[in-house]
Structures are given as structure tokens and as C-alpha cells.
Amino acid sequence: MIVTKTQGKFLHGVIDQWVAEQTIPPETAEHLRQSFSIRPFDWKKLAKYCFWISLISLIIAIGSVLADRVLFALLKKFLDMSDAMRSLALAAWAALVFYLGLARRRKKPNRVFSTEAIFFIGVLFCAGSIVSLGQAIDTGSGHFSLLFLLATVVYGLLAVALSSKLIWVFSILSLGSWFGAETGYASGWGAYYLGMNFPLRFVLFGAVLTAASFGFSHIRQLQALRQPTYVLGLLYLFIALWILSIFGNYGDSEWFDTRQIELLHWGLLFALVAIAAIVYGLKYDDYTSRAFGITFLFINLYTKYFEFFWDATHKAVFFLILAVSFWLIGSHAEKIWNLEFRKRDSAAD
């Protein structure tokens, strides 16, 4: 088995600990050490970065086409096509690209990143096709959120059919865009929809998306798409909570007349959700939840510091309070960890 340097260091540490505690004999420890080797260089990450750089370079190259008169003339002919024809042409190109990507994956299943890069090009063609379709059927109603819904469905079906996490990410992003645009259209682009402004709506959206990701584990076709859904759900949830803690459930005109103390309960809600994410992550060894909770808890603390104490409190006092608070939390966590250790030792005796 080939592992990374970090994984190898962890495995060696565990084996050494087992030998020190006489859980396993030295012969078994040596056999375990020989069962894996450390990868000297992470080619997987290099491959991923190279393909992303390749895509960025491709986009730059396409932009450079505009500087070439001959190619620009060809591009102009394409743009001069009717919206319907351009939509069909882009859809055909997208289908061709997805077919080539699928054929490549069947032929070379280990080339994950290059296949996803091909799918990404197909996603761009598909997006262009949907935009052109919207222009072709536009009635002037301004109900463009339906295009985001169409993109959500198209990308979602493609992601499930092709088992592509990358396409699924675009499906979720399109779903979020549809949700925001649809509620905005339904409210006449006012500040509120069902008494909620945009940040509060997306708090609910992120919470529902995160909760839905847990159900993916029980659906075979969606199991591979569970993690990106979970991550994007938490991202929507915490970013919306952060914005909500700053602006509250107010519109622009109302927010300017609102005192900071009136927004404090939203900051407390933000902190409670972050702490809940940390506790859940620690209890169930969920790195994603733990990382989101810790990161956004600090963002919340820094935000509230700048809102309430930047001018009134000496900087050293604020950070001293933070230091003492986290020292107390760490001491309590250490105490619990020691109790668990003692229970384990008692059970072993």
C-alpha cells in the first residue's frame, strides 16, 4: 500500500505506540511497517493542479483569439447566428465533449482529473447553450430564474449519469442561483420574501441542502455526490449566517438606521451554529464540519470585535479575553480527554 508522507508518519506513530504499550510484538510491528511505503512525491496533486492551470491557460487562449482578426471574424459569424441556432450548436458541442470525456474515462479510468477537465469544457458549452436558449425565448418578463432551474436539472442529470462531482457542483451552484433569483422575482425584487431578506433565505437554503446531503448516503446513485453537497451546503449556510450577523433581517434603508446591539442575536445564532458544527465534528470525527465551525467561529469573533470593540477597547485586552476563553475551553477539553484515557486504561486492566 502506498501512502502520503502525512499518512506514513501517522501509521509509524501508531505502530510505535502499540509496541511501547506492548499491544503487538516487535516482529508484528516490523511486518506492519513493511506492508506500506511512503510516496516520495504527490503526483496526484500535481496532476490536479496541472489540469487546472491548463484550463486557465485555455480560457486565456480563448481571450487571446479576440486579438486575432481572422479568428475574430469566424467568431463574429458564430455570434451573428440566430439565438436558437447558436443554442443548438453549443448543445451539440457540449454533447460531443461529454461523449469524449465519457469515452476517455472508460478507456483510462485512472485519469480522473483530465476527464473532469474535459467535462468542465462541456459544462461551459452547456451554459452557453442555455443562455442562448434564454435569449431565443425571452418575452421580456424578466423571469430569468427559470434558466438557472433548467441548468440545475441539466447539470444534475449529467452529474448522476456521468458520476461527475465537478458537474454536480455546478448543479448545486445553479440551484442556489435559481433560489435567489426566483425568490427575488416573486417578491418583485424587494428586500423581503415571506418576511425574510436574502441572507436569511440562504441560511434556510444552506440548512436544507446540508440536511439533504445526509440522505444521499442511503441512495446508491447519489452516494458519490454526498460530500460535495455537504460541503456546499455548509458553505451556503455559514456565509449566509455571517452576512446575516452583519446586516440582520433588514433591507438596505433600514440597516443604516439600526444600532449594532440590535443585531447581536444574529451574531449569537451564528456562534451557536459554529459551535454545534465543531461539537458534531469532534464527536463523529467529521473534519469538514469541524473545519467549517472553527473557521467561521473565528470570523464571527473578529467581525463582532470590529463592530463593537475596535474603537472602545484596547486591542491587547480583546485578544487577552480571547486567549483566556480558549484556554478555558482547551483545559476543559483536555480534562475530558484525560478521563477517556483513564477509562480506557481501567478497561484494559
Protein backbone atom coordinates (compact mmCIF):
# COMPACT_ATOMS: atom_id res chain seq x y z
CA MET A 1 0.00 0.00 0.00
CA ILE A 2 1.35 3.43 -0.99
CA VAL A 3 0.54 6.33 1.37
CA THR A 4 1.41 10.02 1.60
CA LYS A 5 4.10 11.34 3.94
CA THR A 6 1.48 12.56 6.42
CA GLN A 7 -0.30 9.20 6.43
CA GLY A 8 3.02 7.37 6.74
CA LYS A 9 4.05 9.48 9.72
CA PHE A 10 0.71 8.72 11.38
CA LEU A 11 0.98 4.98 10.75
CA HIS A 12 4.54 4.83 12.06
CA GLY A 13 3.45 6.72 15.17
CA VAL A 14 0.57 4.33 15.80
CA ILE A 15 2.79 1.26 15.35
CA ASP A 16 5.45 2.70 17.67
CA GLN A 17 2.76 3.42 20.26
CA TRP A 18 1.46 -0.14 20.03
CA VAL A 19 4.97 -1.51 20.52
CA ALA A 20 5.57 0.80 23.51
CA GLU A 21 2.29 -0.34 25.10
CA GLN A 22 3.16 -3.98 24.27
CA THR A 23 -0.05 -4.32 22.29
CA ILE A 24 1.85 -6.03 19.48
CA PRO A 25 5.31 -7.72 19.45
CA PRO A 26 8.21 -6.08 17.57
CA GLU A 27 8.03 -8.76 14.85
CA THR A 28 4.43 -7.87 14.04
CA ALA A 29 5.32 -4.16 14.11
CA GLU A 30 8.07 -4.71 11.57
CA HIS A 31 5.68 -6.71 9.38
CA LEU A 32 3.17 -3.85 9.51
CA ARG A 33 5.87 -1.30 8.60
CA GLN A 34 6.80 -3.37 5.58
CA SER A 35 3.17 -3.53 4.44
CA PHE A 36 3.16 0.10 3.25
CA SER A 37 5.51 2.52 1.57
CA ILE A 38 5.58 6.31 1.53
CA ARG A 39 5.02 8.07 -1.77
CA PRO A 40 8.07 10.34 -2.27
CA PHE A 41 6.11 12.83 -4.38
CA ASP A 42 2.36 13.55 -4.56
CA TRP A 43 1.79 13.14 -8.29
CA LYS A 44 -1.98 13.18 -7.77
CA LYS A 45 -1.97 16.77 -6.54
CA LEU A 46 0.48 17.78 -9.27
CA ALA A 47 -1.85 16.28 -11.88
CA LYS A 48 -4.84 18.15 -10.45
CA TYR A 49 -3.00 21.48 -10.36
CA CYS A 50 -1.63 20.99 -13.87
CA PHE A 51 -5.08 20.37 -15.32
CA TRP A 52 -6.49 23.45 -13.59
CA ILE A 53 -3.60 25.52 -14.93
CA SER A 54 -4.31 24.01 -18.35
CA LEU A 55 -7.95 25.11 -18.16
CA ILE A 56 -6.98 28.60 -17.07
CA SER A 57 -4.50 28.78 -19.94
CA LEU A 58 -7.24 27.62 -22.31
CA ILE A 59 -9.51 30.43 -21.15
CA ILE A 60 -6.67 32.91 -21.64
CA ALA A 61 -6.06 31.47 -25.10
CA ILE A 62 -9.73 31.92 -25.99
CA GLY A 63 -9.49 35.51 -24.82
CA SER A 64 -6.43 35.99 -26.99
CA VAL A 65 -8.47 34.89 -30.01
CA LEU A 66 -10.23 38.24 -29.87
CA ALA A 67 -6.94 39.90 -30.79
CA ASP A 68 -6.64 37.90 -33.99
CA ARG A 69 -8.64 39.39 -36.87
CA VAL A 70 -9.16 36.16 -38.83
CA LEU A 71 -10.30 34.16 -35.85
CA PHE A 72 -12.34 37.11 -34.65
CA ALA A 73 -14.16 37.12 -38.00
CA LEU A 74 -15.05 33.45 -37.57
CA LEU A 75 -16.21 34.11 -34.05
CA LYS A 76 -18.33 37.02 -35.29
CA LYS A 77 -20.06 34.74 -37.78
CA PHE A 78 -20.89 32.37 -34.96
CA LEU A 79 -22.25 35.20 -32.82
CA ASP A 80 -24.29 36.51 -35.74
CA MET A 81 -26.25 33.24 -35.83
CA SER A 82 -29.78 33.29 -34.50
CA ASP A 83 -30.09 32.61 -30.78
CA ALA A 84 -31.89 29.32 -31.41
CA MET A 85 -29.26 28.05 -33.84
CA ARG A 86 -26.43 29.12 -31.55
CA SER A 87 -28.11 27.30 -28.67
CA LEU A 88 -28.40 24.11 -30.73
CA ALA A 89 -24.78 24.38 -31.92
CA LEU A 90 -23.46 24.84 -28.38
CA ALA A 91 -25.64 21.97 -27.12
CA ALA A 92 -24.23 19.72 -29.86
CA TRP A 93 -20.67 20.69 -28.93
CA ALA A 94 -21.44 20.05 -25.26
CA ALA A 95 -22.84 16.61 -26.07
CA LEU A 96 -19.74 15.83 -28.13
CA VAL A 97 -17.41 16.93 -25.33
CA PHE A 98 -19.29 14.89 -22.71
CA TYR A 99 -19.19 11.86 -25.00
CA LEU A 100 -15.43 12.25 -25.48
CA GLY A 101 -14.95 12.63 -21.73
CA LEU A 102 -17.01 9.51 -21.01
CA ALA A 103 -15.14 7.54 -23.67
CA ARG A 104 -11.83 8.66 -22.18
CA ARG A 105 -12.90 7.60 -18.68
CA ARG A 106 -13.90 4.15 -19.91
CA LYS A 107 -10.58 3.79 -21.72
CA LYS A 108 -8.44 5.32 -18.96
CA PRO A 109 -10.40 5.15 -15.69
CA ASN A 110 -7.42 6.29 -13.62
CA ARG A 111 -7.13 9.62 -15.45
CA VAL A 112 -9.66 11.29 -13.17
CA PHE A 113 -8.52 14.90 -13.38
CA SER A 114 -8.07 15.02 -17.15
CA THR A 115 -11.57 13.56 -17.57
CA GLU A 116 -13.05 16.13 -15.19
CA ALA A 117 -11.24 18.86 -17.12
CA ILE A 118 -12.95 17.67 -20.32
CA PHE A 119 -16.30 17.65 -18.51
CA PHE A 120 -15.63 21.23 -17.40
CA ILE A 121 -15.34 22.33 -21.04
CA GLY A 122 -18.67 20.59 -21.68
CA VAL A 123 -20.19 22.48 -18.76
CA LEU A 124 -19.12 25.79 -20.34
CA PHE A 125 -20.67 24.84 -23.70
CA CYS A 126 -23.83 23.75 -21.90
CA ALA A 127 -24.04 27.06 -20.03
CA GLY A 128 -23.64 28.96 -23.32
CA SER A 129 -26.41 26.87 -24.87
CA ILE A 130 -28.80 27.64 -22.01
CA VAL A 131 -28.02 31.37 -22.17
CA SER A 132 -28.65 31.42 -25.92
CA LEU A 133 -31.89 29.49 -25.40
CA GLY A 134 -32.98 32.11 -22.89
CA GLN A 135 -32.28 34.85 -25.40
CA ALA A 136 -34.25 32.97 -28.06
CA ILE A 137 -37.39 32.54 -25.95
CA ASP A 138 -37.15 35.81 -24.00
CA THR A 139 -40.56 37.51 -23.70
CA GLY A 140 -39.35 40.46 -21.66
CA SER A 141 -40.91 39.16 -18.44
CA GLY A 142 -37.59 39.20 -16.59
CA HIS A 143 -38.22 35.69 -15.25
CA PHE A 144 -34.65 34.55 -15.99
CA SER A 145 -34.53 32.34 -12.86
CA LEU A 146 -36.11 29.59 -14.99
CA LEU A 147 -32.83 29.36 -16.90
CA PHE A 148 -30.99 28.63 -13.65
CA LEU A 149 -33.57 25.95 -12.88
CA LEU A 150 -33.04 24.42 -16.32
CA ALA A 151 -29.27 24.47 -15.73
CA THR A 152 -29.80 22.77 -12.35
CA VAL A 153 -31.79 19.96 -13.93
CA VAL A 154 -29.44 19.51 -16.89
CA TYR A 155 -26.28 19.53 -14.78
CA GLY A 156 -27.88 17.31 -12.16
CA LEU A 157 -28.89 14.66 -14.69
CA LEU A 158 -25.46 14.80 -16.34
CA ALA A 159 -23.70 14.54 -12.97
CA VAL A 160 -25.67 11.44 -11.98
CA ALA A 161 -25.35 9.85 -15.42
CA LEU A 162 -21.62 10.56 -15.68
CA SER A 163 -20.88 10.19 -11.93
CA SER A 164 -19.11 13.56 -12.03
CA LYS A 165 -18.63 15.56 -8.83
CA LEU A 166 -17.49 18.58 -10.83
CA ILE A 167 -20.73 18.77 -12.83
CA TRP A 168 -22.70 18.21 -9.61
CA VAL A 169 -21.02 21.24 -8.06
CA PHE A 170 -22.28 23.36 -10.97
CA SER A 171 -25.74 21.86 -10.49
CA ILE A 172 -25.77 22.94 -6.82
CA LEU A 173 -24.45 26.41 -7.69
CA SER A 174 -27.18 26.74 -10.33
CA LEU A 175 -29.76 25.64 -7.75
CA GLY A 176 -28.59 28.36 -5.38
CA SER A 177 -28.74 30.92 -8.18
CA TRP A 178 -32.27 29.78 -9.06
CA PHE A 179 -33.37 30.02 -5.42
CA GLY A 180 -32.07 33.56 -5.04
CA ALA A 181 -33.39 34.77 -8.40
CA GLU A 182 -36.77 33.05 -8.03
CA THR A 183 -37.48 34.45 -4.56
CA GLY A 184 -36.28 37.85 -5.77
CA TYR A 185 -38.62 37.70 -8.78
CA ALA A 186 -41.55 36.52 -6.63
CA SER A 187 -41.03 39.46 -4.25
CA GLY A 188 -40.76 41.99 -7.07
CA TRP A 189 -37.06 42.34 -6.25
CA GLY A 190 -37.94 43.87 -2.92
CA ALA A 191 -35.97 43.42 0.29
CA TYR A 192 -38.20 40.68 1.71
CA TYR A 193 -39.80 37.42 0.67
CA LEU A 194 -42.11 35.83 3.26
CA GLY A 195 -40.62 38.28 5.76
CA MET A 196 -37.03 37.18 5.04
CA ASN A 197 -34.23 39.10 3.36
CA PHE A 198 -31.68 37.37 1.13
CA PRO A 199 -29.20 36.28 3.85
CA LEU A 200 -31.93 34.73 6.00
CA ARG A 201 -33.35 32.89 2.98
CA PHE A 202 -29.95 31.42 2.20
CA VAL A 203 -29.49 30.34 5.81
CA LEU A 204 -32.56 28.14 5.32
CA PHE A 205 -31.33 27.07 1.88
CA GLY A 206 -27.93 26.04 3.24
CA ALA A 207 -29.50 24.20 6.18
CA VAL A 208 -31.85 22.25 3.90
CA LEU A 209 -29.02 21.43 1.48
CA THR A 210 -26.78 20.22 4.32
CA ALA A 211 -29.57 18.09 5.77
CA ALA A 212 -30.34 16.64 2.33
CA SER A 213 -26.71 15.56 1.90
CA PHE A 214 -27.10 13.07 4.78
CA GLY A 215 -29.89 11.37 2.86
CA PHE A 216 -27.58 10.83 -0.11
CA SER A 217 -25.76 8.11 1.84
CA HIS A 218 -28.85 5.90 1.53
CA ILE A 219 -29.28 6.36 -2.25
CA ARG A 220 -26.78 4.34 -4.26
CA GLN A 221 -26.76 6.67 -7.29
CA LEU A 222 -26.11 9.70 -5.07
CA GLN A 223 -23.59 8.32 -2.59
CA ALA A 224 -20.59 9.64 -4.55
CA LEU A 225 -22.21 13.10 -4.63
CA ARG A 226 -22.83 13.32 -0.91
CA GLN A 227 -19.57 15.07 0.08
CA PRO A 228 -19.70 17.96 -2.43
CA THR A 229 -23.35 18.54 -1.48
CA TYR A 230 -22.40 18.55 2.20
CA VAL A 231 -19.53 21.00 1.68
CA LEU A 232 -21.57 23.39 -0.48
CA GLY A 233 -24.48 23.20 1.96
CA LEU A 234 -22.21 24.23 4.84
CA LEU A 235 -20.65 26.93 2.69
CA TYR A 236 -24.04 28.44 1.82
CA LEU A 237 -25.15 28.15 5.47
CA PHE A 238 -22.13 29.76 7.10
CA ILE A 239 -21.60 32.56 4.57
CA ALA A 240 -25.30 33.45 4.84
CA LEU A 241 -25.08 33.37 8.66
CA TRP A 242 -22.04 35.65 8.55
CA ILE A 243 -23.80 38.19 6.32
CA LEU A 244 -26.93 37.88 8.48
CA SER A 245 -24.89 38.62 11.62
CA ILE A 246 -23.75 41.88 10.00
CA PHE A 247 -26.95 43.10 8.33
CA GLY A 248 -29.65 41.23 10.25
CA ASN A 249 -33.04 40.66 8.67
CA TYR A 250 -33.17 44.20 7.34
CA GLY A 251 -33.20 45.91 3.97
CA ASP A 252 -30.60 48.47 2.96
CA SER A 253 -32.54 51.54 4.05
CA GLU A 254 -33.48 50.02 7.42
CA TRP A 255 -29.99 48.72 8.17
CA PHE A 256 -28.41 52.19 8.13
CA ASP A 257 -30.74 53.24 10.97
CA THR A 258 -30.15 50.07 13.03
CA ARG A 259 -27.88 50.01 16.08
CA GLN A 260 -25.28 47.24 16.28
CA ILE A 261 -26.73 45.95 19.54
CA GLU A 262 -29.96 45.12 17.71
CA LEU A 263 -28.02 42.67 15.52
CA LEU A 264 -26.37 40.88 18.44
CA HIS A 265 -28.82 37.97 18.50
CA TRP A 266 -27.93 37.11 14.89
CA GLY A 267 -24.27 37.01 15.88
CA LEU A 268 -25.14 34.71 18.77
CA LEU A 269 -27.06 32.43 16.40
CA PHE A 270 -24.01 32.38 14.09
CA ALA A 271 -21.75 31.44 17.02
CA LEU A 272 -24.10 28.71 18.26
CA VAL A 273 -24.29 27.09 14.83
CA ALA A 274 -20.48 27.23 14.52
CA ILE A 275 -20.03 25.67 17.96
CA ALA A 276 -22.60 22.99 17.11
CA ALA A 277 -20.62 22.20 13.94
CA ILE A 278 -17.41 21.91 15.97
CA VAL A 279 -19.04 19.63 18.56
CA TYR A 280 -20.54 17.45 15.84
CA GLY A 281 -17.20 17.27 14.06
CA LEU A 282 -15.38 16.25 17.23
CA LYS A 283 -17.99 13.70 18.25
CA TYR A 284 -18.25 11.97 14.87
CA ASP A 285 -14.69 12.71 13.64
CA ASP A 286 -16.10 14.86 10.82
CA TYR A 287 -13.21 17.02 9.64
CA THR A 288 -15.40 19.08 7.27
CA SER A 289 -17.88 20.10 9.95
CA ARG A 290 -15.11 20.80 12.44
CA ALA A 291 -13.12 22.92 9.98
CA PHE A 292 -16.16 24.99 8.96
CA GLY A 293 -17.15 25.52 12.60
CA ILE A 294 -13.70 26.65 13.75
CA THR A 295 -13.09 28.88 10.73
CA PHE A 296 -16.42 30.70 10.91
CA LEU A 297 -16.38 30.95 14.70
CA PHE A 298 -13.17 32.97 14.41
CA ILE A 299 -14.68 35.01 11.56
CA ASN A 300 -17.65 35.75 13.79
CA LEU A 301 -15.45 36.79 16.71
CA TYR A 302 -13.33 39.08 14.57
CA THR A 303 -16.43 40.59 12.95
CA LYS A 304 -18.03 41.35 16.30
CA TYR A 305 -14.79 42.76 17.60
CA PHE A 306 -14.60 45.25 14.74
CA GLU A 307 -18.29 46.08 15.17
CA PHE A 308 -18.33 46.62 18.94
CA PHE A 309 -14.85 47.00 20.38
CA TRP A 310 -12.45 48.29 17.73
CA ASP A 311 -12.68 51.92 18.89
CA ALA A 312 -13.68 51.37 22.52
CA THR A 313 -11.34 48.60 23.66
CA HIS A 314 -7.60 48.29 23.66
CA LYS A 315 -6.52 45.60 21.20
CA ALA A 316 -4.47 43.77 23.82
CA VAL A 317 -7.49 43.50 26.13
CA PHE A 318 -9.65 41.97 23.42
CA PHE A 319 -7.09 39.34 22.46
CA LEU A 320 -6.37 38.64 26.13
CA ILE A 321 -10.07 37.84 26.58
CA LEU A 322 -9.91 35.55 23.56
CA ALA A 323 -6.79 33.86 24.93
CA VAL A 324 -8.36 33.23 28.34
CA SER A 325 -11.60 31.97 26.80
CA PHE A 326 -9.91 29.46 24.54
CA TRP A 327 -7.52 28.44 27.35
CA LEU A 328 -10.55 27.54 29.47
CA ILE A 329 -12.16 25.65 26.59
CA GLY A 330 -8.91 23.82 25.89
CA SER A 331 -8.45 22.93 29.56
CA HIS A 332 -11.96 21.51 29.69
CA ALA A 333 -11.37 19.50 26.52
CA GLU A 334 -8.07 18.21 27.93
CA LYS A 335 -9.84 17.14 31.12
CA ILE A 336 -12.43 15.18 29.13
CA TRP A 337 -9.66 13.59 27.04
CA ASN A 338 -7.80 12.52 30.19
CA LEU A 339 -10.98 10.98 31.61
CA GLU A 340 -11.44 8.96 28.42
CA PHE A 341 -7.82 7.81 28.65
CA ARG A 342 -8.29 6.69 32.25
CA LYS A 343 -11.46 4.78 31.37
CA ARG A 344 -9.61 3.03 28.55
CA ASP A 345 -6.71 2.11 30.86
CA SER A 346 -9.14 0.85 33.54
CA ALA A 347 -10.92 -1.30 30.98
CA ALA A 348 -7.59 -2.71 29.80
CA ASP A 349 -6.62 -3.63 33.39
